[in-house]
Amino acid sequence: QGHVAVLLIGFGISLVGARLFGESEGRADIFAATATKLVVMPLVAWVLAVVTRVDAWAAFVVVILAALPTAQNVFVTSTRYGVAKDHARQTVLLTTVAAIPVMIGLAGLLT
């Protein structure tokens, strides 16, 4: 349990002084990663649920789980290896903010 708190504190600290979309060169990558996580992944999960003919409740669960925000471990890994830290931070932030409305919309479509 303590590890999750440390991850969240680390992510929060990284937001201090950071500007969302500070550099224009990475915007397309950030939007692509965010759209993939919040649109493509739930769509793929739904298609797989339909193809495998799982019941409606299982399909609902799988699609909602696929729409969850990008995990903090993506940010921690990018920080650890010094690769695309800004991209990871902004993708985690955007998917976290947008995940709730997306999941509410998906719940409306699937029920």
PDB file of N, CA and C in Angstrom:
ATOM      1  N   GLN A   1       0.812  -1.193   0.000  1.00  0.00           N
ATOM      2  CA  GLN A   1       0.000   0.000   0.000  1.00  0.00           C
ATOM      3  C   GLN A   1       0.852   1.252   0.000  1.00  0.00           C
ATOM      4  N   GLY A   2       1.967   1.235   0.658  1.00  0.00           N
ATOM      5  CA  GLY A   2       2.840   2.388   0.719  1.00  0.00           C
ATOM      6  C   GLY A   2       3.444   2.736  -0.623  1.00  0.00           C
ATOM      7  N   HIS A   3       3.626   1.716  -1.475  1.00  0.00           N
ATOM      8  CA  HIS A   3       4.216   1.957  -2.793  1.00  0.00           C
ATOM      9  C   HIS A   3       3.308   2.827  -3.656  1.00  0.00           C
ATOM     10  N   VAL A   4       2.007   2.603  -3.567  1.00  0.00           N
ATOM     11  CA  VAL A   4       1.061   3.401  -4.352  1.00  0.00           C
ATOM     12  C   VAL A   4       1.131   4.863  -3.935  1.00  0.00           C
ATOM     13  N   ALA A   5       1.188   5.112  -2.641  1.00  0.00           N
ATOM     14  CA  ALA A   5       1.274   6.491  -2.151  1.00  0.00           C
ATOM     15  C   ALA A   5       2.540   7.163  -2.654  1.00  0.00           C
ATOM     16  N   VAL A   6       3.647   6.459  -2.652  1.00  0.00           N
ATOM     17  CA  VAL A   6       4.909   7.022  -3.120  1.00  0.00           C
ATOM     18  C   VAL A   6       4.815   7.337  -4.613  1.00  0.00           C
ATOM     19  N   LEU A   7       4.195   6.454  -5.392  1.00  0.00           N
ATOM     20  CA  LEU A   7       4.022   6.712  -6.821  1.00  0.00           C
ATOM     21  C   LEU A   7       3.192   7.965  -7.055  1.00  0.00           C
ATOM     22  N   LEU A   8       2.116   8.099  -6.307  1.00  0.00           N
ATOM     23  CA  LEU A   8       1.247   9.261  -6.476  1.00  0.00           C
ATOM     24  C   LEU A   8       1.928  10.550  -6.046  1.00  0.00           C
ATOM     25  N   ILE A   9       2.705  10.486  -4.978  1.00  0.00           N
ATOM     26  CA  ILE A   9       3.448  11.663  -4.531  1.00  0.00           C
ATOM     27  C   ILE A   9       4.483  12.052  -5.585  1.00  0.00           C
ATOM     28  N   GLY A  10       5.171  11.070  -6.123  1.00  0.00           N
ATOM     29  CA  GLY A  10       6.152  11.345  -7.173  1.00  0.00           C
ATOM     30  C   GLY A  10       5.512  11.977  -8.396  1.00  0.00           C
ATOM     31  N   PHE A  11       4.344  11.470  -8.775  1.00  0.00           N
ATOM     32  CA  PHE A  11       3.645  12.039  -9.922  1.00  0.00           C
ATOM     33  C   PHE A  11       3.200  13.466  -9.617  1.00  0.00           C
ATOM     34  N   GLY A  12       2.674  13.688  -8.432  1.00  0.00           N
ATOM     35  CA  GLY A  12       2.248  15.035  -8.035  1.00  0.00           C
ATOM     36  C   GLY A  12       3.400  16.022  -8.033  1.00  0.00           C
ATOM     37  N   ILE A  13       4.544  15.592  -7.536  1.00  0.00           N
ATOM     38  CA  ILE A  13       5.724  16.454  -7.534  1.00  0.00           C
ATOM     39  C   ILE A  13       6.127  16.797  -8.959  1.00  0.00           C
ATOM     40  N   SER A  14       6.002  15.855  -9.867  1.00  0.00           N
ATOM     41  CA  SER A  14       6.396  16.114 -11.256  1.00  0.00           C
ATOM     42  C   SER A  14       5.494  17.150 -11.922  1.00  0.00           C
ATOM     43  N   LEU A  15       4.284  17.330 -11.401  1.00  0.00           N
ATOM     44  CA  LEU A  15       3.356  18.297 -11.987  1.00  0.00           C
ATOM     45  C   LEU A  15       3.671  19.738 -11.597  1.00  0.00           C
ATOM     46  N   VAL A  16       4.414  19.913 -10.508  1.00  0.00           N
ATOM     47  CA  VAL A  16       4.740  21.259 -10.045  1.00  0.00           C
ATOM     48  C   VAL A  16       5.615  21.952 -11.090  1.00  0.00           C
ATOM     49  N   GLY A  17       5.145  23.073 -11.577  1.00  0.00           N
ATOM     50  CA  GLY A  17       5.888  23.846 -12.552  1.00  0.00           C
ATOM     51  C   GLY A  17       5.819  23.321 -13.972  1.00  0.00           C
ATOM     52  N   ALA A  18       5.194  22.163 -14.162  1.00  0.00           N
ATOM     53  CA  ALA A  18       5.086  21.603 -15.513  1.00  0.00           C
ATOM     54  C   ALA A  18       3.896  22.239 -16.221  1.00  0.00           C
ATOM     55  N   ARG A  19       4.077  22.523 -17.493  1.00  0.00           N
ATOM     56  CA  ARG A  19       2.994  23.088 -18.297  1.00  0.00           C
ATOM     57  C   ARG A  19       2.425  22.000 -19.184  1.00  0.00           C
ATOM     58  N   LEU A  20       1.123  21.915 -19.212  1.00  0.00           N
ATOM     59  CA  LEU A  20       0.477  20.959 -20.103  1.00  0.00           C
ATOM     60  C   LEU A  20       0.725  21.417 -21.523  1.00  0.00           C
ATOM     61  N   PHE A  21       1.252  20.550 -22.343  1.00  0.00           N
ATOM     62  CA  PHE A  21       1.607  20.845 -23.738  1.00  0.00           C
ATOM     63  C   PHE A  21       2.609  21.985 -23.822  1.00  0.00           C
ATOM     64  N   GLY A  22       3.612  21.946 -22.967  1.00  0.00           N
ATOM     65  CA  GLY A  22       4.625  22.982 -22.984  1.00  0.00           C
ATOM     66  C   GLY A  22       5.375  23.060 -24.303  1.00  0.00           C
ATOM     67  N   GLU A  23       5.620  21.929 -24.936  1.00  0.00           N
ATOM     68  CA  GLU A  23       6.317  21.909 -26.211  1.00  0.00           C
ATOM     69  C   GLU A  23       5.374  21.384 -27.284  1.00  0.00           C
ATOM     70  N   SER A  24       5.343  22.042 -28.414  1.00  0.00           N
ATOM     71  CA  SER A  24       4.407  21.641 -29.463  1.00  0.00           C
ATOM     72  C   SER A  24       4.836  20.374 -30.177  1.00  0.00           C
ATOM     73  N   GLU A  25       6.122  20.021 -30.107  1.00  0.00           N
ATOM     74  CA  GLU A  25       6.600  18.872 -30.858  1.00  0.00           C
ATOM     75  C   GLU A  25       6.032  17.535 -30.372  1.00  0.00           C
ATOM     76  N   GLY A  26       5.643  17.435 -29.131  1.00  0.00           N
ATOM     77  CA  GLY A  26       5.144  16.176 -28.610  1.00  0.00           C
ATOM     78  C   GLY A  26       3.641  16.064 -28.546  1.00  0.00           C
ATOM     79  N   ARG A  27       2.928  17.080 -28.960  1.00  0.00           N
ATOM     80  CA  ARG A  27       1.463  17.079 -28.826  1.00  0.00           C
ATOM     81  C   ARG A  27       0.808  15.926 -29.569  1.00  0.00           C
ATOM     82  N   ALA A  28       1.237  15.668 -30.766  1.00  0.00           N
ATOM     83  CA  ALA A  28       0.623  14.597 -31.561  1.00  0.00           C
ATOM     84  C   ALA A  28       0.808  13.251 -30.872  1.00  0.00           C
ATOM     85  N   ASP A  29       1.991  13.013 -30.314  1.00  0.00           N
ATOM     86  CA  ASP A  29       2.252  11.756 -29.611  1.00  0.00           C
ATOM     87  C   ASP A  29       1.375  11.626 -28.368  1.00  0.00           C
ATOM     88  N   ILE A  30       1.239  12.719 -27.646  1.00  0.00           N
ATOM     89  CA  ILE A  30       0.434  12.705 -26.422  1.00  0.00           C
ATOM     90  C   ILE A  30      -1.036  12.463 -26.752  1.00  0.00           C
ATOM     91  N   PHE A  31      -1.538  13.160 -27.769  1.00  0.00           N
ATOM     92  CA  PHE A  31      -2.926  12.944 -28.172  1.00  0.00           C
ATOM     93  C   PHE A  31      -3.140  11.530 -28.703  1.00  0.00           C
ATOM     94  N   ALA A  32      -2.172  11.009 -29.439  1.00  0.00           N
ATOM     95  CA  ALA A  32      -2.289   9.646 -29.967  1.00  0.00           C
ATOM     96  C   ALA A  32      -2.318   8.625 -28.829  1.00  0.00           C
ATOM     97  N   ALA A  33      -1.445   8.800 -27.852  1.00  0.00           N
ATOM     98  CA  ALA A  33      -1.417   7.884 -26.710  1.00  0.00           C
ATOM     99  C   ALA A  33      -2.712   7.971 -25.901  1.00  0.00           C
ATOM    100  N   THR A  34      -3.206   9.190 -25.715  1.00  0.00           N
ATOM    101  CA  THR A  34      -4.445   9.384 -24.960  1.00  0.00           C
ATOM    102  C   THR A  34      -5.636   8.789 -25.705  1.00  0.00           C
ATOM    103  N   ALA A  35      -5.733   9.044 -26.999  1.00  0.00           N
ATOM    104  CA  ALA A  35      -6.836   8.500 -27.798  1.00  0.00           C
ATOM    105  C   ALA A  35      -6.778   6.979 -27.856  1.00  0.00           C
ATOM    106  N   THR A  36      -5.575   6.446 -27.973  1.00  0.00           N
ATOM    107  CA  THR A  36      -5.434   4.989 -28.001  1.00  0.00           C
ATOM    108  C   THR A  36      -5.929   4.386 -26.699  1.00  0.00           C
ATOM    109  N   LYS A  37      -5.546   4.993 -25.582  1.00  0.00           N
ATOM    110  CA  LYS A  37      -5.932   4.449 -24.270  1.00  0.00           C
ATOM    111  C   LYS A  37      -7.423   4.587 -24.013  1.00  0.00           C
ATOM    112  N   LEU A  38      -8.014   5.711 -24.396  1.00  0.00           N
ATOM    113  CA  LEU A  38      -9.406   5.969 -24.030  1.00  0.00           C
ATOM    114  C   LEU A  38     -10.427   5.589 -25.105  1.00  0.00           C
ATOM    115  N   VAL A  39      -9.989   5.385 -26.344  1.00  0.00           N
ATOM    116  CA  VAL A  39     -10.933   5.049 -27.412  1.00  0.00           C
ATOM    117  C   VAL A  39     -10.615   3.689 -28.023  1.00  0.00           C
ATOM    118  N   VAL A  40      -9.381   3.519 -28.464  1.00  0.00           N
ATOM    119  CA  VAL A  40      -9.021   2.290 -29.180  1.00  0.00           C
ATOM    120  C   VAL A  40      -9.064   1.072 -28.258  1.00  0.00           C
ATOM    121  N   MET A  41      -8.475   1.181 -27.088  1.00  0.00           N
ATOM    122  CA  MET A  41      -8.452   0.021 -26.187  1.00  0.00           C
ATOM    123  C   MET A  41      -9.853  -0.442 -25.774  1.00  0.00           C
ATOM    124  N   PRO A  42     -10.767   0.466 -25.384  1.00  0.00           N
ATOM    125  CA  PRO A  42     -12.121  -0.001 -25.078  1.00  0.00           C
ATOM    126  C   PRO A  42     -12.826  -0.604 -26.307  1.00  0.00           C
ATOM    127  N   LEU A  43     -12.577  -0.037 -27.483  1.00  0.00           N
ATOM    128  CA  LEU A  43     -13.181  -0.576 -28.701  1.00  0.00           C
ATOM    129  C   LEU A  43     -12.669  -1.982 -28.988  1.00  0.00           C
ATOM    130  N   VAL A  44     -11.380  -2.195 -28.858  1.00  0.00           N
ATOM    131  CA  VAL A  44     -10.805  -3.526 -29.059  1.00  0.00           C
ATOM    132  C   VAL A  44     -11.368  -4.496 -28.018  1.00  0.00           C
ATOM    133  N   ALA A  45     -11.483  -4.050 -26.776  1.00  0.00           N
ATOM    134  CA  ALA A  45     -12.052  -4.902 -25.723  1.00  0.00           C
ATOM    135  C   ALA A  45     -13.488  -5.281 -26.051  1.00  0.00           C
ATOM    136  N   TRP A  46     -14.269  -4.330 -26.555  1.00  0.00           N
ATOM    137  CA  TRP A  46     -15.667  -4.611 -26.917  1.00  0.00           C
ATOM    138  C   TRP A  46     -15.734  -5.606 -28.073  1.00  0.00           C
ATOM    139  N   VAL A  47     -14.906  -5.399 -29.088  1.00  0.00           N
ATOM    140  CA  VAL A  47     -14.889  -6.322 -30.235  1.00  0.00           C
ATOM    141  C   VAL A  47     -14.525  -7.728 -29.774  1.00  0.00           C
ATOM    142  N   LEU A  48     -13.517  -7.846 -28.935  1.00  0.00           N
ATOM    143  CA  LEU A  48     -13.136  -9.162 -28.427  1.00  0.00           C
ATOM    144  C   LEU A  48     -14.239  -9.788 -27.581  1.00  0.00           C
ATOM    145  N   ALA A  49     -14.942  -8.974 -26.814  1.00  0.00           N
ATOM    146  CA  ALA A  49     -16.055  -9.482 -26.014  1.00  0.00           C
ATOM    147  C   ALA A  49     -17.172 -10.000 -26.913  1.00  0.00           C
ATOM    148  N   VAL A  50     -17.450  -9.284 -27.987  1.00  0.00           N
ATOM    149  CA  VAL A  50     -18.491  -9.719 -28.926  1.00  0.00           C
ATOM    150  C   VAL A  50     -18.064 -10.998 -29.639  1.00  0.00           C
ATOM    151  N   VAL A  51     -16.824 -11.028 -30.098  1.00  0.00           N
ATOM    152  CA  VAL A  51     -16.317 -12.194 -30.838  1.00  0.00           C
ATOM    153  C   VAL A  51     -16.309 -13.440 -29.960  1.00  0.00           C
ATOM    154  N   THR A  52     -15.937 -13.284 -28.710  1.00  0.00           N
ATOM    155  CA  THR A  52     -15.885 -14.434 -27.800  1.00  0.00           C
ATOM    156  C   THR A  52     -17.226 -14.739 -27.153  1.00  0.00           C
ATOM    157  N   ARG A  53     -18.221 -13.912 -27.444  1.00  0.00           N
ATOM    158  CA  ARG A  53     -19.604 -14.120 -26.978  1.00  0.00           C
ATOM    159  C   ARG A  53     -19.733 -14.226 -25.464  1.00  0.00           C
ATOM    160  N   VAL A  54     -19.016 -13.334 -24.764  1.00  0.00           N
ATOM    161  CA  VAL A  54     -19.187 -13.299 -23.314  1.00  0.00           C
ATOM    162  C   VAL A  54     -20.511 -12.619 -22.995  1.00  0.00           C
ATOM    163  N   ASP A  55     -21.014 -12.828 -21.799  1.00  0.00           N
ATOM    164  CA  ASP A  55     -22.292 -12.223 -21.433  1.00  0.00           C
ATOM    165  C   ASP A  55     -22.141 -10.707 -21.305  1.00  0.00           C
ATOM    166  N   ALA A  56     -23.260 -10.017 -21.239  1.00  0.00           N
ATOM    167  CA  ALA A  56     -23.274  -8.551 -21.253  1.00  0.00           C
ATOM    168  C   ALA A  56     -22.505  -7.956 -20.073  1.00  0.00           C
ATOM    169  N   TRP A  57     -22.653  -8.561 -18.891  1.00  0.00           N
ATOM    170  CA  TRP A  57     -21.956  -8.033 -17.721  1.00  0.00           C
ATOM    171  C   TRP A  57     -20.445  -8.151 -17.884  1.00  0.00           C
ATOM    172  N   ALA A  58     -19.960  -9.282 -18.357  1.00  0.00           N
ATOM    173  CA  ALA A  58     -18.524  -9.475 -18.567  1.00  0.00           C
ATOM    174  C   ALA A  58     -18.005  -8.496 -19.625  1.00  0.00           C
ATOM    175  N   ALA A  59     -18.775  -8.281 -20.675  1.00  0.00           N
ATOM    176  CA  ALA A  59     -18.382  -7.327 -21.714  1.00  0.00           C
ATOM    177  C   ALA A  59     -18.278  -5.924 -21.121  1.00  0.00           C
ATOM    178  N   PHE A  60     -19.244  -5.557 -20.294  1.00  0.00           N
ATOM    179  CA  PHE A  60     -19.235  -4.250 -19.635  1.00  0.00           C
ATOM    180  C   PHE A  60     -17.967  -4.081 -18.798  1.00  0.00           C
ATOM    181  N   VAL A  61     -17.653  -5.082 -17.992  1.00  0.00           N
ATOM    182  CA  VAL A  61     -16.481  -5.018 -17.118  1.00  0.00           C
ATOM    183  C   VAL A  61     -15.199  -4.899 -17.933  1.00  0.00           C
ATOM    184  N   VAL A  62     -15.079  -5.698 -18.966  1.00  0.00           N
ATOM    185  CA  VAL A  62     -13.864  -5.682 -19.791  1.00  0.00           C
ATOM    186  C   VAL A  62     -13.682  -4.319 -20.468  1.00  0.00           C
ATOM    187  N   VAL A  63     -14.750  -3.766 -20.998  1.00  0.00           N
ATOM    188  CA  VAL A  63     -14.658  -2.480 -21.688  1.00  0.00           C
ATOM    189  C   VAL A  63     -14.318  -1.351 -20.708  1.00  0.00           C
ATOM    190  N   ILE A  64     -14.942  -1.346 -19.550  1.00  0.00           N
ATOM    191  CA  ILE A  64     -14.654  -0.313 -18.546  1.00  0.00           C
ATOM    192  C   ILE A  64     -13.216  -0.433 -18.050  1.00  0.00           C
ATOM    193  N   LEU A  65     -12.754  -1.647 -17.829  1.00  0.00           N
ATOM    194  CA  LEU A  65     -11.364  -1.824 -17.402  1.00  0.00           C
ATOM    195  C   LEU A  65     -10.394  -1.336 -18.470  1.00  0.00           C
ATOM    196  N   ALA A  66     -10.733  -1.545 -19.729  1.00  0.00           N
ATOM    197  CA  ALA A  66      -9.867  -1.081 -20.821  1.00  0.00           C
ATOM    198  C   ALA A  66      -9.827   0.445 -20.891  1.00  0.00           C
ATOM    199  N   ALA A  67     -10.849   1.112 -20.372  1.00  0.00           N
ATOM    200  CA  ALA A  67     -10.917   2.576 -20.419  1.00  0.00           C
ATOM    201  C   ALA A  67     -10.278   3.252 -19.206  1.00  0.00           C
ATOM    202  N   LEU A  68      -9.749   2.473 -18.284  1.00  0.00           N
ATOM    203  CA  LEU A  68      -9.096   3.078 -17.122  1.00  0.00           C
ATOM    204  C   LEU A  68      -7.896   3.903 -17.562  1.00  0.00           C
ATOM    205  N   PRO A  69      -7.508   4.904 -16.773  1.00  0.00           N
ATOM    206  CA  PRO A  69      -6.389   5.768 -17.171  1.00  0.00           C
ATOM    207  C   PRO A  69      -5.067   5.014 -17.274  1.00  0.00           C
ATOM    208  N   THR A  70      -4.138   5.635 -17.974  1.00  0.00           N
ATOM    209  CA  THR A  70      -2.788   5.096 -18.083  1.00  0.00           C
ATOM    210  C   THR A  70      -2.203   4.990 -16.677  1.00  0.00           C
ATOM    211  N   ALA A  71      -1.555   3.879 -16.396  1.00  0.00           N
ATOM    212  CA  ALA A  71      -1.064   3.607 -15.045  1.00  0.00           C
ATOM    213  C   ALA A  71       0.143   4.457 -14.683  1.00  0.00           C
ATOM    214  N   GLN A  72       0.290   4.681 -13.398  1.00  0.00           N
ATOM    215  CA  GLN A  72       1.424   5.457 -12.886  1.00  0.00           C
ATOM    216  C   GLN A  72       2.754   4.782 -13.193  1.00  0.00           C
ATOM    217  N   ASN A  73       2.740   3.463 -13.344  1.00  0.00           N
ATOM    218  CA  ASN A  73       4.015   2.787 -13.594  1.00  0.00           C
ATOM    219  C   ASN A  73       4.613   3.178 -14.944  1.00  0.00           C
ATOM    220  N   VAL A  74       3.788   3.672 -15.876  1.00  0.00           N
ATOM    221  CA  VAL A  74       4.316   4.191 -17.135  1.00  0.00           C
ATOM    222  C   VAL A  74       5.180   5.418 -16.851  1.00  0.00           C
ATOM    223  N   PHE A  75       4.675   6.300 -16.024  1.00  0.00           N
ATOM    224  CA  PHE A  75       5.430   7.499 -15.662  1.00  0.00           C
ATOM    225  C   PHE A  75       6.694   7.141 -14.882  1.00  0.00           C
ATOM    226  N   VAL A  76       6.569   6.232 -13.927  1.00  0.00           N
ATOM    227  CA  VAL A  76       7.724   5.846 -13.111  1.00  0.00           C
ATOM    228  C   VAL A  76       8.798   5.207 -13.988  1.00  0.00           C
ATOM    229  N   THR A  77       8.394   4.353 -14.908  1.00  0.00           N
ATOM    230  CA  THR A  77       9.353   3.709 -15.807  1.00  0.00           C
ATOM    231  C   THR A  77      10.034   4.731 -16.706  1.00  0.00           C
ATOM    232  N   SER A  78       9.263   5.670 -17.254  1.00  0.00           N
ATOM    233  CA  SER A  78       9.869   6.689 -18.122  1.00  0.00           C
ATOM    234  C   SER A  78      10.836   7.563 -17.340  1.00  0.00           C
ATOM    235  N   THR A  79      10.508   7.840 -16.085  1.00  0.00           N
ATOM    236  CA  THR A  79      11.402   8.636 -15.241  1.00  0.00           C
ATOM    237  C   THR A  79      12.666   7.851 -14.917  1.00  0.00           C
ATOM    238  N   ARG A  80      12.487   6.604 -14.599  1.00  0.00           N
ATOM    239  CA  ARG A  80      13.635   5.747 -14.233  1.00  0.00           C
ATOM    240  C   ARG A  80      14.643   5.661 -15.368  1.00  0.00           C
ATOM    241  N   TYR A  81      14.150   5.517 -16.586  1.00  0.00           N
ATOM    242  CA  TYR A  81      15.042   5.354 -17.723  1.00  0.00           C
ATOM    243  C   TYR A  81      15.274   6.646 -18.507  1.00  0.00           C
ATOM    244  N   GLY A  82      14.671   7.743 -18.064  1.00  0.00           N
ATOM    245  CA  GLY A  82      14.896   9.037 -18.682  1.00  0.00           C
ATOM    246  C   GLY A  82      14.393   9.147 -20.107  1.00  0.00           C
ATOM    247  N   VAL A  83      13.309   8.469 -20.401  1.00  0.00           N
ATOM    248  CA  VAL A  83      12.768   8.459 -21.764  1.00  0.00           C
ATOM    249  C   VAL A  83      11.344   8.998 -21.749  1.00  0.00           C
ATOM    250  N   ALA A  84      11.088  10.038 -22.524  1.00  0.00           N
ATOM    251  CA  ALA A  84       9.744  10.589 -22.741  1.00  0.00           C
ATOM    252  C   ALA A  84       8.999  10.892 -21.438  1.00  0.00           C
ATOM    253  N   LYS A  85       9.695  11.488 -20.488  1.00  0.00           N
ATOM    254  CA  LYS A  85       9.065  11.796 -19.197  1.00  0.00           C
ATOM    255  C   LYS A  85       7.884  12.747 -19.355  1.00  0.00           C
ATOM    256  N   ASP A  86       8.056  13.799 -20.159  1.00  0.00           N
ATOM    257  CA  ASP A  86       6.969  14.757 -20.351  1.00  0.00           C
ATOM    258  C   ASP A  86       5.773  14.104 -21.034  1.00  0.00           C
ATOM    259  N   HIS A  87       6.047  13.281 -22.023  1.00  0.00           N
ATOM    260  CA  HIS A  87       4.967  12.588 -22.727  1.00  0.00           C
ATOM    261  C   HIS A  87       4.197  11.688 -21.767  1.00  0.00           C
ATOM    262  N   ALA A  88       4.926  10.924 -20.971  1.00  0.00           N
ATOM    263  CA  ALA A  88       4.285  10.013 -20.030  1.00  0.00           C
ATOM    264  C   ALA A  88       3.470  10.775 -19.001  1.00  0.00           C
ATOM    265  N   ARG A  89       4.053  11.837 -18.442  1.00  0.00           N
ATOM    266  CA  ARG A  89       3.354  12.627 -17.422  1.00  0.00           C
ATOM    267  C   ARG A  89       2.061  13.208 -17.984  1.00  0.00           C
ATOM    268  N   GLN A  90       2.140  13.799 -19.168  1.00  0.00           N
ATOM    269  CA  GLN A  90       0.963  14.427 -19.744  1.00  0.00           C
ATOM    270  C   GLN A  90      -0.089  13.399 -20.169  1.00  0.00           C
ATOM    271  N   THR A  91       0.354  12.243 -20.647  1.00  0.00           N
ATOM    272  CA  THR A  91      -0.604  11.194 -21.014  1.00  0.00           C
ATOM    273  C   THR A  91      -1.307  10.652 -19.775  1.00  0.00           C
ATOM    274  N   VAL A  92      -0.555  10.436 -18.704  1.00  0.00           N
ATOM    275  CA  VAL A  92      -1.179   9.975 -17.449  1.00  0.00           C
ATOM    276  C   VAL A  92      -2.180  11.013 -16.964  1.00  0.00           C
ATOM    277  N   LEU A  93      -1.806  12.276 -16.997  1.00  0.00           N
ATOM    278  CA  LEU A  93      -2.701  13.338 -16.531  1.00  0.00           C
ATOM    279  C   LEU A  93      -3.960  13.416 -17.394  1.00  0.00           C
ATOM    280  N   LEU A  94      -3.796  13.451 -18.701  1.00  0.00           N
ATOM    281  CA  LEU A  94      -4.960  13.561 -19.585  1.00  0.00           C
ATOM    282  C   LEU A  94      -5.884  12.356 -19.485  1.00  0.00           C
ATOM    283  N   THR A  95      -5.313  11.168 -19.449  1.00  0.00           N
ATOM    284  CA  THR A  95      -6.180   9.985 -19.354  1.00  0.00           C
ATOM    285  C   THR A  95      -6.869   9.908 -17.998  1.00  0.00           C
ATOM    286  N   THR A  96      -6.212  10.398 -16.969  1.00  0.00           N
ATOM    287  CA  THR A  96      -6.841  10.406 -15.646  1.00  0.00           C
ATOM    288  C   THR A  96      -8.025  11.365 -15.614  1.00  0.00           C
ATOM    289  N   VAL A  97      -7.854  12.540 -16.198  1.00  0.00           N
ATOM    290  CA  VAL A  97      -8.925  13.535 -16.218  1.00  0.00           C
ATOM    291  C   VAL A  97     -10.073  13.086 -17.129  1.00  0.00           C
ATOM    292  N   ALA A  98      -9.745  12.531 -18.268  1.00  0.00           N
ATOM    293  CA  ALA A  98     -10.765  12.184 -19.264  1.00  0.00           C
ATOM    294  C   ALA A  98     -11.404  10.818 -19.048  1.00  0.00           C
ATOM    295  N   ALA A  99     -10.811   9.977 -18.234  1.00  0.00           N
ATOM    296  CA  ALA A  99     -11.320   8.610 -18.074  1.00  0.00           C
ATOM    297  C   ALA A  99     -12.732   8.562 -17.490  1.00  0.00           C
ATOM    298  N   ILE A 100     -13.035   9.409 -16.537  1.00  0.00           N
ATOM    299  CA  ILE A 100     -14.363   9.372 -15.909  1.00  0.00           C
ATOM    300  C   ILE A 100     -15.464   9.681 -16.918  1.00  0.00           C
ATOM    301  N   PRO A 101     -15.391  10.787 -17.668  1.00  0.00           N
ATOM    302  CA  PRO A 101     -16.443  11.018 -18.662  1.00  0.00           C
ATOM    303  C   PRO A 101     -16.502   9.908 -19.725  1.00  0.00           C
ATOM    304  N   VAL A 102     -15.354   9.398 -20.106  1.00  0.00           N
ATOM    305  CA  VAL A 102     -15.354   8.304 -21.096  1.00  0.00           C
ATOM    306  C   VAL A 102     -16.048   7.081 -20.527  1.00  0.00           C
ATOM    307  N   MET A 103     -15.730   6.708 -19.283  1.00  0.00           N
ATOM    308  CA  MET A 103     -16.361   5.531 -18.684  1.00  0.00           C
ATOM    309  C   MET A 103     -17.853   5.733 -18.479  1.00  0.00           C
ATOM    310  N   ILE A 104     -18.268   6.948 -18.121  1.00  0.00           N
ATOM    311  CA  ILE A 104     -19.708   7.229 -17.989  1.00  0.00           C
ATOM    312  C   ILE A 104     -20.395   7.078 -19.338  1.00  0.00           C
ATOM    313  N   GLY A 105     -19.767   7.598 -20.390  1.00  0.00           N
ATOM    314  CA  GLY A 105     -20.323   7.438 -21.734  1.00  0.00           C
ATOM    315  C   GLY A 105     -20.406   5.987 -22.154  1.00  0.00           C
ATOM    316  N   LEU A 106     -19.353   5.232 -21.879  1.00  0.00           N
ATOM    317  CA  LEU A 106     -19.357   3.806 -22.221  1.00  0.00           C
ATOM    318  C   LEU A 106     -20.436   3.056 -21.426  1.00  0.00           C
ATOM    319  N   ALA A 107     -20.585   3.411 -20.170  1.00  0.00           N
ATOM    320  CA  ALA A 107     -21.622   2.765 -19.361  1.00  0.00           C
ATOM    321  C   ALA A 107     -23.004   3.039 -19.950  1.00  0.00           C
ATOM    322  N   GLY A 108     -23.205   4.260 -20.409  1.00  0.00           N
ATOM    323  CA  GLY A 108     -24.485   4.583 -21.058  1.00  0.00           C
ATOM    324  C   GLY A 108     -24.704   3.792 -22.340  1.00  0.00           C
ATOM    325  N   LEU A 109     -23.655   3.608 -23.106  1.00  0.00           N
ATOM    326  CA  LEU A 109     -23.770   2.845 -24.354  1.00  0.00           C
ATOM    327  C   LEU A 109     -23.961   1.358 -24.129  1.00  0.00           C
ATOM    328  N   LEU A 110     -23.373   0.845 -23.071  1.00  0.00           N
ATOM    329  CA  LEU A 110     -23.382  -0.608 -22.848  1.00  0.00           C
ATOM    330  C   LEU A 110     -24.533  -1.094 -21.982  1.00  0.00           C
ATOM    331  N   THR A 111     -25.305  -0.192 -21.415  1.00  0.00           N
ATOM    332  CA  THR A 111     -26.410  -0.652 -20.558  1.00  0.00           C
ATOM    333  C   THR A 111     -27.745  -0.377 -21.218  1.00  0.00           C
TER     334      THR A 111
END
